[in-house]
């Protein structure tokens, strides 16, 4: 049941990401490489970084678990995180 809720949340991710991430012009936003480096310094093994709506959507692993993260393009702050 939890996985169904998670799938529904991910499907709505672009919609709720816009509410959680600041509207940052592309030339002022951190690059995908900068976001990846910041998360790696926090212990994430980053597999993919993709700009989705207002946030970066990141697929990674941490502590042996898969993690999906929404990250602010302004400062690479984690906005939402789901571990599986």
Protein backbone atom coordinates (compact mmCIF):
# COMPACT_ATOMS: atom_id res chain seq x y z
CA UNK A 1 0.00 0.00 0.00
CA UNK A 2 2.84 2.41 0.81
CA UNK A 3 4.29 1.91 -2.66
CA UNK A 4 0.98 2.97 -4.25
CA UNK A 5 0.98 6.16 -2.23
CA UNK A 6 4.59 6.81 -3.21
CA UNK A 7 3.84 6.24 -6.91
CA UNK A 8 0.94 8.69 -6.69
CA UNK A 9 3.17 11.23 -4.95
CA UNK A 10 5.85 10.91 -7.62
CA UNK A 11 3.29 11.32 -10.38
CA UNK A 12 2.29 14.58 -8.75
CA UNK A 13 5.91 15.62 -8.08
CA UNK A 14 6.09 18.34 -10.74
CA UNK A 15 2.88 19.86 -9.39
CA UNK A 16 3.96 19.97 -5.76
CA UNK A 17 7.59 20.73 -6.62
CA UNK A 18 6.52 24.08 -8.02
CA UNK A 19 5.02 24.92 -4.62
CA UNK A 20 8.14 23.87 -2.72
CA UNK A 21 10.98 25.15 -4.88
CA UNK A 22 11.65 28.81 -5.52
CA UNK A 23 11.27 30.14 -9.02
CA UNK A 24 14.94 30.56 -9.96
CA UNK A 25 15.99 31.78 -13.41
CA UNK A 26 18.06 29.16 -15.22
CA UNK A 27 21.13 31.42 -15.27
CA UNK A 28 20.94 31.83 -11.46
CA UNK A 29 20.18 28.19 -10.63
CA UNK A 30 22.77 25.66 -9.58
CA UNK A 31 23.78 23.26 -12.34
CA UNK A 32 23.02 19.56 -12.19
CA UNK A 33 26.73 18.97 -11.59
CA UNK A 34 26.75 21.36 -8.62
CA UNK A 35 23.66 19.68 -7.15
CA UNK A 36 25.29 16.27 -7.61
CA UNK A 37 28.51 17.42 -5.93
CA UNK A 38 26.60 18.93 -2.99
CA UNK A 39 24.57 15.74 -2.44
CA UNK A 40 27.66 13.53 -2.77
CA UNK A 41 29.33 15.60 -0.06
CA UNK A 42 26.31 14.72 2.13
CA UNK A 43 26.83 10.98 1.58
CA UNK A 44 24.49 10.31 -1.35
CA UNK A 45 25.59 8.07 -4.22
CA UNK A 46 23.90 10.07 -6.99
CA UNK A 47 22.69 8.09 -10.00
CA UNK A 48 20.67 10.72 -11.90
CA UNK A 49 19.90 14.44 -11.67
CA UNK A 50 17.12 15.91 -13.80
CA UNK A 51 15.42 19.32 -13.67
CA UNK A 52 11.71 18.63 -13.30
CA UNK A 53 9.41 21.60 -12.93
CA UNK A 54 10.92 23.97 -10.39
CA UNK A 55 13.07 21.36 -8.63
CA UNK A 56 15.82 18.96 -9.48
CA UNK A 57 14.66 15.35 -9.24
CA UNK A 58 17.50 13.16 -8.02
CA UNK A 59 17.75 9.38 -7.88
CA UNK A 60 20.43 8.19 -5.52
CA UNK A 61 21.39 5.66 -2.86
CA UNK A 62 22.21 6.36 0.77
CA UNK A 63 22.93 3.88 3.53
CA UNK A 64 22.20 1.04 1.10
CA UNK A 65 18.69 2.30 0.30
CA UNK A 66 17.28 3.80 -2.90
CA UNK A 67 16.36 7.45 -2.45
CA UNK A 68 14.36 9.84 -4.59
CA UNK A 69 14.90 13.47 -3.71
CA UNK A 70 13.49 16.82 -4.78
CA UNK A 71 16.16 19.51 -4.54
CA UNK A 72 15.89 23.29 -4.72
CA UNK A 73 17.83 24.73 -7.67
CA UNK A 74 18.64 27.84 -5.61
CA UNK A 75 20.83 26.19 -2.97
CA UNK A 76 20.56 22.38 -3.40
CA UNK A 77 18.46 22.12 -0.25
CA UNK A 78 16.51 18.85 0.00
CA UNK A 79 12.82 19.71 -0.33
CA UNK A 80 11.43 16.17 -0.15
CA UNK A 81 12.97 12.73 0.19
CA UNK A 82 11.57 9.22 -0.15
CA UNK A 83 13.58 6.14 0.79
CA UNK A 84 12.71 2.67 -0.41
